[in-house]
Amino acid sequence: MQIAARLGYWTLPVVVYLAASGRDIFDYLNLRRNVVRGLAWGLGIGAALVVMNVVGTYVMKHHVHVKFDFGAQLWWKGVILVGFSEEVVFRGFLLRQFAERTNFRAANLLQAAIFLAMHVPGWILLHQFVLPGILTSVGFVFLVGVVLGVIWKRSGSLWACIVIHSVNNFCSFAVAVARP
């Protein structure tokens, strides 16, 4: 249900707005240009994320305990669709809209702040919005938003962000599911 809500409340309105404004949706969202370059960026940085997560898990827990066999529904919804839908909205649409009206740095910080704010209700519902631990999550999500914005600009492709976001979610689920 959560992914259906994200697609229905976030991604669909972006697509409808772009279509109604006469824009080519795939061009505007940078899904058609620099595809190979974007995928190369995404796979390269994604591979580095996997290595960092495995090493980080080892350093923090003195053993590597990662589980890759979580359910197909979590793979599809939590890894692929969430990465796609959030990147379409935040980097593909909002960042571009803001960057058309102000400088890139301000636009990137604004979309990252909104990306962070979007995560707060979920943390509250899951009883994870507790000090001081939530500060790490807040900082991480904001930083991810900023970094993905920079990658979007440098790669010229939303595909880089989609792949990196999906790999990050995969790593989060793989480590979270594997906890003893």
N, C-alpha and C. Protein backbone atom coordinates (compact mmCIF):
# COMPACT_ATOMS: atom_id res chain seq x y z
N MET A 1 0.81 -1.20 0.00
CA MET A 1 0.00 0.00 0.00
C MET A 1 0.86 1.27 0.00
N GLN A 2 1.95 1.26 0.78
CA GLN A 2 2.78 2.44 0.88
C GLN A 2 3.35 2.85 -0.47
N ILE A 3 3.81 1.89 -1.27
CA ILE A 3 4.37 2.23 -2.57
C ILE A 3 3.28 2.71 -3.52
N ALA A 4 2.10 2.13 -3.43
CA ALA A 4 0.99 2.59 -4.27
C ALA A 4 0.66 4.04 -3.93
N ALA A 5 0.71 4.37 -2.65
CA ALA A 5 0.46 5.76 -2.24
C ALA A 5 1.53 6.68 -2.79
N ARG A 6 2.79 6.27 -2.70
CA ARG A 6 3.87 7.10 -3.23
C ARG A 6 3.71 7.33 -4.73
N LEU A 7 3.42 6.26 -5.44
CA LEU A 7 3.24 6.41 -6.88
C LEU A 7 2.03 7.27 -7.20
N GLY A 8 0.94 7.06 -6.46
CA GLY A 8 -0.29 7.80 -6.72
C GLY A 8 -0.26 9.25 -6.27
N TYR A 9 0.34 9.51 -5.13
CA TYR A 9 0.33 10.88 -4.58
C TYR A 9 1.51 11.72 -5.02
N TRP A 10 2.65 11.09 -5.40
CA TRP A 10 3.83 11.86 -5.77
C TRP A 10 4.15 11.76 -7.25
N THR A 11 4.37 10.53 -7.71
CA THR A 11 4.89 10.34 -9.06
C THR A 11 3.84 10.65 -10.11
N LEU A 12 2.63 10.16 -9.93
CA LEU A 12 1.57 10.41 -10.90
C LEU A 12 1.28 11.90 -11.09
N PRO A 13 1.17 12.69 -10.02
CA PRO A 13 0.96 14.13 -10.23
C PRO A 13 2.10 14.80 -11.01
N VAL A 14 3.32 14.37 -10.80
CA VAL A 14 4.45 14.93 -11.55
C VAL A 14 4.27 14.61 -13.04
N VAL A 15 3.96 13.37 -13.35
CA VAL A 15 3.77 12.95 -14.73
C VAL A 15 2.60 13.70 -15.37
N VAL A 16 1.49 13.81 -14.65
CA VAL A 16 0.32 14.52 -15.17
C VAL A 16 0.64 16.00 -15.39
N TYR A 17 1.32 16.61 -14.44
CA TYR A 17 1.70 18.03 -14.58
C TYR A 17 2.58 18.25 -15.80
N LEU A 18 3.60 17.41 -15.96
CA LEU A 18 4.50 17.56 -17.09
C LEU A 18 3.78 17.32 -18.41
N ALA A 19 2.92 16.32 -18.45
CA ALA A 19 2.16 16.04 -19.68
C ALA A 19 1.22 17.20 -20.00
N ALA A 20 0.55 17.73 -18.97
CA ALA A 20 -0.39 18.84 -19.18
C ALA A 20 0.33 20.11 -19.62
N SER A 21 1.58 20.26 -19.21
CA SER A 21 2.34 21.46 -19.59
C SER A 21 2.97 21.32 -20.97
N GLY A 22 2.75 20.17 -21.62
CA GLY A 22 3.26 19.96 -22.96
C GLY A 22 4.72 19.55 -23.03
N ARG A 23 5.32 19.28 -21.89
CA ARG A 23 6.72 18.86 -21.88
C ARG A 23 6.84 17.38 -22.19
N ASP A 24 7.95 17.00 -22.77
CA ASP A 24 8.26 15.59 -22.95
C ASP A 24 8.73 15.08 -21.59
N ILE A 25 7.96 14.19 -21.00
CA ILE A 25 8.20 13.72 -19.64
C ILE A 25 9.60 13.11 -19.50
N PHE A 26 9.98 12.24 -20.42
CA PHE A 26 11.27 11.55 -20.33
C PHE A 26 12.44 12.52 -20.50
N ASP A 27 12.29 13.48 -21.40
CA ASP A 27 13.35 14.48 -21.57
C ASP A 27 13.46 15.37 -20.34
N TYR A 28 12.32 15.85 -19.85
CA TYR A 28 12.34 16.78 -18.72
C TYR A 28 12.96 16.12 -17.49
N LEU A 29 12.66 14.88 -17.27
CA LEU A 29 13.16 14.16 -16.09
C LEU A 29 14.58 13.62 -16.28
N ASN A 30 15.20 13.90 -17.43
CA ASN A 30 16.54 13.39 -17.75
C ASN A 30 16.59 11.87 -17.74
N LEU A 31 15.55 11.25 -18.28
CA LEU A 31 15.50 9.80 -18.40
C LEU A 31 15.88 9.32 -19.80
N ARG A 32 15.98 10.23 -20.74
CA ARG A 32 16.29 9.85 -22.11
C ARG A 32 17.73 10.21 -22.49
N ARG A 33 18.24 11.29 -21.97
CA ARG A 33 19.61 11.73 -22.29
C ARG A 33 20.61 11.08 -21.33
N ASN A 34 21.81 10.86 -21.83
CA ASN A 34 22.92 10.36 -21.00
C ASN A 34 22.58 9.09 -20.24
N VAL A 35 21.82 8.20 -20.86
CA VAL A 35 21.39 6.97 -20.17
C VAL A 35 22.60 6.11 -19.79
N VAL A 36 23.47 5.86 -20.74
CA VAL A 36 24.64 5.01 -20.46
C VAL A 36 25.52 5.66 -19.41
N ARG A 37 25.75 6.96 -19.56
CA ARG A 37 26.57 7.69 -18.58
C ARG A 37 25.92 7.62 -17.19
N GLY A 38 24.62 7.83 -17.13
CA GLY A 38 23.92 7.77 -15.85
C GLY A 38 23.99 6.40 -15.22
N LEU A 39 23.79 5.36 -16.03
CA LEU A 39 23.88 3.99 -15.51
C LEU A 39 25.29 3.67 -15.04
N ALA A 40 26.29 4.16 -15.77
CA ALA A 40 27.68 3.94 -15.35
C ALA A 40 27.96 4.62 -14.01
N TRP A 41 27.52 5.87 -13.87
CA TRP A 41 27.66 6.56 -12.58
C TRP A 41 26.95 5.77 -11.48
N GLY A 42 25.72 5.38 -11.76
CA GLY A 42 24.93 4.67 -10.76
C GLY A 42 25.54 3.35 -10.34
N LEU A 43 25.99 2.58 -11.32
CA LEU A 43 26.58 1.28 -11.00
C LEU A 43 27.92 1.44 -10.29
N GLY A 44 28.71 2.42 -10.70
CA GLY A 44 30.00 2.65 -10.04
C GLY A 44 29.84 3.08 -8.59
N ILE A 45 29.01 4.07 -8.38
CA ILE A 45 28.79 4.55 -7.01
C ILE A 45 28.01 3.51 -6.21
N GLY A 46 27.09 2.82 -6.86
CA GLY A 46 26.35 1.75 -6.19
C GLY A 46 27.27 0.65 -5.70
N ALA A 47 28.24 0.25 -6.53
CA ALA A 47 29.21 -0.78 -6.11
C ALA A 47 30.01 -0.29 -4.91
N ALA A 48 30.39 0.98 -4.92
CA ALA A 48 31.12 1.55 -3.78
C ALA A 48 30.25 1.53 -2.52
N LEU A 49 28.95 1.79 -2.67
CA LEU A 49 28.04 1.74 -1.52
C LEU A 49 27.97 0.33 -0.93
N VAL A 50 27.90 -0.66 -1.80
CA VAL A 50 27.85 -2.04 -1.31
C VAL A 50 29.12 -2.36 -0.52
N VAL A 51 30.28 -2.01 -1.07
CA VAL A 51 31.54 -2.26 -0.37
C VAL A 51 31.56 -1.52 0.96
N MET A 52 31.16 -0.24 0.95
CA MET A 52 31.16 0.55 2.19
C MET A 52 30.21 -0.05 3.22
N ASN A 53 29.07 -0.57 2.80
CA ASN A 53 28.13 -1.17 3.74
C ASN A 53 28.67 -2.45 4.34
N VAL A 54 29.29 -3.28 3.52
CA VAL A 54 29.87 -4.52 4.03
C VAL A 54 31.02 -4.22 4.98
N VAL A 55 31.91 -3.32 4.58
CA VAL A 55 33.04 -2.94 5.45
C VAL A 55 32.51 -2.27 6.72
N GLY A 56 31.55 -1.37 6.58
CA GLY A 56 30.97 -0.70 7.74
C GLY A 56 30.33 -1.67 8.70
N THR A 57 29.62 -2.65 8.18
CA THR A 57 29.01 -3.67 9.02
C THR A 57 30.08 -4.46 9.76
N TYR A 58 31.16 -4.78 9.06
CA TYR A 58 32.26 -5.52 9.67
C TYR A 58 32.91 -4.70 10.78
N VAL A 59 33.21 -3.45 10.50
CA VAL A 59 33.89 -2.59 11.47
C VAL A 59 33.01 -2.36 12.69
N MET A 60 31.73 -2.10 12.47
CA MET A 60 30.84 -1.78 13.58
C MET A 60 30.47 -3.01 14.41
N LYS A 61 30.39 -4.16 13.79
CA LYS A 61 29.92 -5.34 14.49
C LYS A 61 30.97 -6.44 14.60
N HIS A 62 32.12 -6.19 14.04
CA HIS A 62 33.22 -7.15 14.06
C HIS A 62 32.89 -8.45 13.36
N HIS A 63 31.89 -8.43 12.54
CA HIS A 63 31.58 -9.55 11.66
C HIS A 63 30.67 -9.04 10.54
N VAL A 64 30.69 -9.73 9.45
CA VAL A 64 29.82 -9.34 8.35
C VAL A 64 28.62 -10.28 8.37
N HIS A 65 27.47 -9.71 8.59
CA HIS A 65 26.25 -10.50 8.61
C HIS A 65 25.24 -9.77 7.72
N VAL A 66 25.26 -10.13 6.46
CA VAL A 66 24.38 -9.49 5.49
C VAL A 66 23.53 -10.57 4.87
N LYS A 67 22.25 -10.29 4.72
CA LYS A 67 21.32 -11.27 4.18
C LYS A 67 20.72 -10.70 2.90
N PHE A 68 20.85 -11.44 1.80
CA PHE A 68 20.36 -10.96 0.51
C PHE A 68 19.08 -11.66 0.07
N ASP A 69 18.54 -12.55 0.88
CA ASP A 69 17.39 -13.32 0.42
C ASP A 69 16.07 -12.86 1.05
N PHE A 70 15.91 -11.54 1.20
CA PHE A 70 14.62 -11.06 1.67
C PHE A 70 13.61 -11.17 0.55
N GLY A 71 12.33 -11.08 0.89
CA GLY A 71 11.26 -11.38 -0.05
C GLY A 71 11.23 -10.54 -1.32
N ALA A 72 10.62 -11.13 -2.35
CA ALA A 72 10.51 -10.47 -3.65
C ALA A 72 9.72 -9.17 -3.55
N GLN A 73 8.75 -9.14 -2.67
CA GLN A 73 7.94 -7.93 -2.52
C GLN A 73 8.79 -6.77 -2.00
N LEU A 74 9.69 -7.04 -1.07
CA LEU A 74 10.58 -6.00 -0.56
C LEU A 74 11.57 -5.57 -1.65
N TRP A 75 12.06 -6.52 -2.44
CA TRP A 75 12.94 -6.18 -3.56
C TRP A 75 12.23 -5.22 -4.51
N TRP A 76 11.05 -5.60 -4.94
CA TRP A 76 10.31 -4.84 -5.93
C TRP A 76 9.86 -3.48 -5.39
N LYS A 77 9.20 -3.50 -4.24
CA LYS A 77 8.65 -2.26 -3.70
C LYS A 77 9.71 -1.39 -3.03
N GLY A 78 10.47 -1.96 -2.13
CA GLY A 78 11.39 -1.17 -1.31
C GLY A 78 12.67 -0.79 -2.01
N VAL A 79 13.12 -1.59 -2.96
CA VAL A 79 14.38 -1.31 -3.63
C VAL A 79 14.14 -0.60 -4.96
N ILE A 80 13.35 -1.19 -5.82
CA ILE A 80 13.21 -0.67 -7.18
C ILE A 80 12.21 0.48 -7.26
N LEU A 81 10.98 0.26 -6.82
CA LEU A 81 9.95 1.30 -7.00
C LEU A 81 10.17 2.53 -6.13
N VAL A 82 10.64 2.35 -4.91
CA VAL A 82 10.89 3.52 -4.06
C VAL A 82 12.01 4.37 -4.65
N GLY A 83 13.10 3.72 -5.07
CA GLY A 83 14.19 4.47 -5.69
C GLY A 83 13.71 5.24 -6.91
N PHE A 84 12.92 4.60 -7.73
CA PHE A 84 12.41 5.25 -8.95
C PHE A 84 11.46 6.40 -8.61
N SER A 85 10.45 6.13 -7.77
CA SER A 85 9.43 7.16 -7.51
C SER A 85 10.00 8.36 -6.77
N GLU A 86 10.86 8.14 -5.79
CA GLU A 86 11.42 9.27 -5.06
C GLU A 86 12.37 10.08 -5.92
N GLU A 87 13.13 9.43 -6.78
CA GLU A 87 14.04 10.18 -7.65
C GLU A 87 13.30 10.97 -8.71
N VAL A 88 12.23 10.43 -9.25
CA VAL A 88 11.43 11.19 -10.21
C VAL A 88 10.94 12.47 -9.56
N VAL A 89 10.43 12.36 -8.34
CA VAL A 89 9.86 13.53 -7.66
C VAL A 89 10.94 14.50 -7.20
N PHE A 90 11.94 14.02 -6.48
CA PHE A 90 12.88 14.93 -5.82
C PHE A 90 13.99 15.45 -6.72
N ARG A 91 14.71 14.57 -7.41
CA ARG A 91 15.79 15.05 -8.27
C ARG A 91 15.28 15.34 -9.68
N GLY A 92 14.42 14.49 -10.22
CA GLY A 92 13.94 14.69 -11.57
C GLY A 92 13.04 15.90 -11.73
N PHE A 93 12.15 16.12 -10.78
CA PHE A 93 11.18 17.21 -10.91
C PHE A 93 11.51 18.41 -10.01
N LEU A 94 11.50 18.20 -8.68
CA LEU A 94 11.67 19.34 -7.78
C LEU A 94 13.02 20.04 -7.96
N LEU A 95 14.09 19.28 -8.01
CA LEU A 95 15.40 19.90 -8.17
C LEU A 95 15.45 20.71 -9.47
N ARG A 96 14.94 20.14 -10.52
CA ARG A 96 14.96 20.86 -11.80
C ARG A 96 14.08 22.11 -11.73
N GLN A 97 12.90 22.00 -11.14
CA GLN A 97 12.02 23.16 -11.00
C GLN A 97 12.70 24.26 -10.19
N PHE A 98 13.30 23.90 -9.07
CA PHE A 98 13.97 24.89 -8.23
C PHE A 98 15.18 25.49 -8.95
N ALA A 99 15.95 24.64 -9.66
CA ALA A 99 17.14 25.11 -10.36
C ALA A 99 16.79 26.07 -11.50
N GLU A 100 15.58 25.95 -12.04
CA GLU A 100 15.14 26.87 -13.08
C GLU A 100 14.81 28.25 -12.51
N ARG A 101 14.63 28.33 -11.19
CA ARG A 101 14.22 29.57 -10.56
C ARG A 101 15.30 30.21 -9.69
N THR A 102 16.33 29.45 -9.35
CA THR A 102 17.39 29.96 -8.48
C THR A 102 18.70 29.26 -8.85
N ASN A 103 19.75 29.51 -8.10
CA ASN A 103 21.02 28.84 -8.40
C ASN A 103 20.96 27.38 -7.95
N PHE A 104 21.84 26.58 -8.52
CA PHE A 104 21.81 25.15 -8.25
C PHE A 104 22.02 24.82 -6.78
N ARG A 105 22.94 25.52 -6.14
CA ARG A 105 23.23 25.21 -4.73
C ARG A 105 21.99 25.39 -3.86
N ALA A 106 21.30 26.50 -4.01
CA ALA A 106 20.08 26.74 -3.24
C ALA A 106 19.00 25.72 -3.59
N ALA A 107 18.87 25.44 -4.89
CA ALA A 107 17.87 24.46 -5.33
C ALA A 107 18.16 23.08 -4.74
N ASN A 108 19.42 22.71 -4.73
CA ASN A 108 19.81 21.40 -4.22
C ASN A 108 19.55 21.30 -2.71
N LEU A 109 19.89 22.33 -1.97
CA LEU A 109 19.63 22.31 -0.53
C LEU A 109 18.13 22.27 -0.23
N LEU A 110 17.35 22.99 -1.02
CA LEU A 110 15.90 23.00 -0.82
C LEU A 110 15.29 21.63 -1.09
N GLN A 111 15.67 21.00 -2.21
CA GLN A 111 15.09 19.68 -2.49
C GLN A 111 15.55 18.66 -1.46
N ALA A 112 16.78 18.77 -0.97
CA ALA A 112 17.28 17.84 0.05
C ALA A 112 16.51 18.02 1.37
N ALA A 113 16.18 19.27 1.70
CA ALA A 113 15.39 19.53 2.91
C ALA A 113 13.98 18.95 2.79
N ILE A 114 13.39 19.08 1.62
CA ILE A 114 12.06 18.51 1.41
C ILE A 114 12.12 16.98 1.41
N PHE A 115 13.18 16.43 0.82
CA PHE A 115 13.41 14.98 0.84
C PHE A 115 13.51 14.49 2.28
N LEU A 116 14.24 15.21 3.10
CA LEU A 116 14.34 14.89 4.52
C LEU A 116 12.98 14.97 5.20
N ALA A 117 12.27 16.06 4.98
CA ALA A 117 10.95 16.26 5.61
C ALA A 117 9.98 15.14 5.24
N MET A 118 10.09 14.63 4.03
CA MET A 118 9.22 13.54 3.59
C MET A 118 9.46 12.27 4.40
N HIS A 119 10.65 12.08 4.93
CA HIS A 119 10.95 10.88 5.71
C HIS A 119 10.45 10.96 7.16
N VAL A 120 10.21 12.16 7.66
CA VAL A 120 9.85 12.34 9.07
C VAL A 120 8.56 11.59 9.47
N PRO A 121 7.47 11.69 8.71
CA PRO A 121 6.26 10.96 9.13
C PRO A 121 6.47 9.46 9.28
N GLY A 122 7.26 8.86 8.40
CA GLY A 122 7.55 7.42 8.51
C GLY A 122 8.30 7.10 9.77
N TRP A 123 9.29 7.95 10.11
CA TRP A 123 10.04 7.72 11.34
C TRP A 123 9.13 7.85 12.56
N ILE A 124 8.22 8.80 12.52
CA ILE A 124 7.29 8.98 13.64
C ILE A 124 6.38 7.76 13.76
N LEU A 125 5.80 7.32 12.63
CA LEU A 125 4.91 6.15 12.66
C LEU A 125 5.61 4.89 13.14
N LEU A 126 6.89 4.77 12.82
CA LEU A 126 7.66 3.59 13.23
C LEU A 126 8.33 3.77 14.59
N HIS A 127 7.99 4.86 15.28
CA HIS A 127 8.55 5.17 16.60
C HIS A 127 10.07 5.26 16.58
N GLN A 128 10.60 5.79 15.48
CA GLN A 128 12.05 5.95 15.34
C GLN A 128 12.49 7.39 15.51
N PHE A 129 11.56 8.29 15.69
CA PHE A 129 11.90 9.71 15.83
C PHE A 129 12.19 10.02 17.29
N VAL A 130 13.32 9.47 17.76
CA VAL A 130 13.71 9.57 19.16
C VAL A 130 15.14 10.11 19.23
N LEU A 131 15.32 11.13 20.05
CA LEU A 131 16.65 11.70 20.24
C LEU A 131 17.48 10.79 21.14
N PRO A 132 18.75 10.69 20.98
CA PRO A 132 19.58 11.37 20.01
C PRO A 132 19.74 10.57 18.72
N GLY A 133 19.28 9.31 18.69
CA GLY A 133 19.52 8.43 17.55
C GLY A 133 19.00 8.96 16.22
N ILE A 134 17.90 9.69 16.24
CA ILE A 134 17.30 10.18 15.00
C ILE A 134 18.21 11.19 14.30
N LEU A 135 19.10 11.83 15.05
CA LEU A 135 19.98 12.83 14.44
C LEU A 135 20.88 12.23 13.37
N THR A 136 21.31 10.99 13.57
CA THR A 136 22.11 10.31 12.55
C THR A 136 21.29 10.10 11.29
N SER A 137 20.06 9.64 11.45
CA SER A 137 19.19 9.43 10.29
C SER A 137 18.89 10.73 9.57
N VAL A 138 18.62 11.79 10.33
CA VAL A 138 18.33 13.10 9.74
C VAL A 138 19.53 13.57 8.92
N GLY A 139 20.71 13.50 9.50
CA GLY A 139 21.92 13.93 8.78
C GLY A 139 22.18 13.08 7.55
N PHE A 140 21.99 11.78 7.68
CA PHE A 140 22.24 10.88 6.56
C PHE A 140 21.29 11.15 5.40
N VAL A 141 20.01 11.25 5.69
CA VAL A 141 19.02 11.46 4.62
C VAL A 141 19.23 12.81 3.94
N PHE A 142 19.52 13.84 4.72
CA PHE A 142 19.79 15.15 4.12
C PHE A 142 21.02 15.08 3.23
N LEU A 143 22.08 14.46 3.72
CA LEU A 143 23.31 14.33 2.94
C LEU A 143 23.08 13.52 1.66
N VAL A 144 22.33 12.44 1.76
CA VAL A 144 21.99 11.65 0.57
C VAL A 144 21.26 12.52 -0.44
N GLY A 145 20.30 13.34 0.01
CA GLY A 145 19.59 14.23 -0.89
C GLY A 145 20.51 15.20 -1.60
N VAL A 146 21.44 15.78 -0.86
CA VAL A 146 22.40 16.73 -1.45
C VAL A 146 23.31 16.01 -2.44
N VAL A 147 23.87 14.88 -2.04
CA VAL A 147 24.81 14.15 -2.91
C VAL A 147 24.10 13.68 -4.18
N LEU A 148 22.88 13.16 -4.06
CA LEU A 148 22.16 12.73 -5.25
C LEU A 148 21.86 13.91 -6.17
N GLY A 149 21.62 15.07 -5.60
CA GLY A 149 21.43 16.27 -6.42
C GLY A 149 22.67 16.60 -7.22
N VAL A 150 23.82 16.52 -6.58
CA VAL A 150 25.09 16.80 -7.27
C VAL A 150 25.33 15.75 -8.36
N ILE A 151 25.06 14.50 -8.06
CA ILE A 151 25.23 13.42 -9.04
C ILE A 151 24.29 13.63 -10.22
N TRP A 152 23.06 14.05 -9.96
CA TRP A 152 22.11 14.35 -11.04
C TRP A 152 22.68 15.41 -11.99
N LYS A 153 23.24 16.45 -11.39
CA LYS A 153 23.79 17.52 -12.21
C LYS A 153 25.03 17.06 -12.98
N ARG A 154 25.93 16.39 -12.31
CA ARG A 154 27.20 15.98 -12.95
C ARG A 154 27.00 14.90 -14.00
N SER A 155 26.10 13.97 -13.76
CA SER A 155 25.90 12.87 -14.71
C SER A 155 24.97 13.27 -15.85
N GLY A 156 24.12 14.26 -15.60
CA GLY A 156 23.15 14.67 -16.62
C GLY A 156 22.06 13.65 -16.83
N SER A 157 21.86 12.77 -15.85
CA SER A 157 20.89 11.69 -16.01
C SER A 157 20.26 11.34 -14.66
N LEU A 158 18.95 11.16 -14.69
CA LEU A 158 18.26 10.72 -13.49
C LEU A 158 18.54 9.25 -13.19
N TRP A 159 18.96 8.49 -14.22
CA TRP A 159 19.26 7.08 -14.01
C TRP A 159 20.34 6.85 -12.97
N ALA A 160 21.32 7.72 -12.91
CA ALA A 160 22.37 7.59 -11.90
C ALA A 160 21.75 7.63 -10.51
N CYS A 161 20.87 8.59 -10.28
CA CYS A 161 20.23 8.74 -8.96
C CYS A 161 19.31 7.56 -8.65
N ILE A 162 18.57 7.10 -9.64
CA ILE A 162 17.66 5.96 -9.43
C ILE A 162 18.46 4.73 -9.02
N VAL A 163 19.53 4.44 -9.72
CA VAL A 163 20.34 3.26 -9.40
C VAL A 163 20.97 3.40 -8.02
N ILE A 164 21.56 4.55 -7.73
CA ILE A 164 22.22 4.75 -6.44
C ILE A 164 21.20 4.67 -5.30
N HIS A 165 20.06 5.30 -5.45
CA HIS A 165 19.01 5.27 -4.43
C HIS A 165 18.55 3.82 -4.20
N SER A 166 18.34 3.09 -5.28
CA SER A 166 17.90 1.70 -5.16
C SER A 166 18.97 0.84 -4.49
N VAL A 167 20.23 1.03 -4.84
CA VAL A 167 21.32 0.28 -4.21
C VAL A 167 21.40 0.63 -2.72
N ASN A 168 21.25 1.92 -2.39
CA ASN A 168 21.28 2.32 -0.99
C ASN A 168 20.15 1.64 -0.21
N ASN A 169 18.95 1.62 -0.78
CA ASN A 169 17.83 0.94 -0.11
C ASN A 169 18.11 -0.55 0.03
N PHE A 170 18.66 -1.16 -1.03
CA PHE A 170 19.03 -2.57 -0.98
C PHE A 170 19.99 -2.83 0.18
N CYS A 171 21.02 -2.00 0.29
CA CYS A 171 22.00 -2.17 1.38
C CYS A 171 21.34 -2.02 2.73
N SER A 172 20.45 -1.04 2.86
CA SER A 172 19.76 -0.84 4.14
C SER A 172 18.92 -2.04 4.51
N PHE A 173 18.18 -2.58 3.55
CA PHE A 173 17.35 -3.76 3.81
C PHE A 173 18.20 -4.99 4.08
N ALA A 174 19.27 -5.17 3.33
CA ALA A 174 20.12 -6.35 3.49
C ALA A 174 20.73 -6.39 4.88
N VAL A 175 21.19 -5.25 5.37
CA VAL A 175 21.78 -5.19 6.71
C VAL A 175 20.69 -5.29 7.78
N ALA A 176 19.57 -4.57 7.58
CA ALA A 176 18.49 -4.58 8.58
C ALA A 176 17.86 -5.97 8.72
N VAL A 177 17.63 -6.64 7.60
CA VAL A 177 17.01 -7.96 7.63
C VAL A 177 17.96 -8.99 8.25
N ALA A 178 19.25 -8.78 8.11
CA ALA A 178 20.23 -9.75 8.58
C ALA A 178 20.55 -9.63 10.07
N ARG A 179 20.10 -8.56 10.70
CA ARG A 179 20.43 -8.40 12.13
C ARG A 179 19.91 -9.58 12.93
N PRO A 180 20.77 -10.09 13.80
CA PRO A 180 20.36 -11.27 14.60
C PRO A 180 19.28 -10.92 15.61
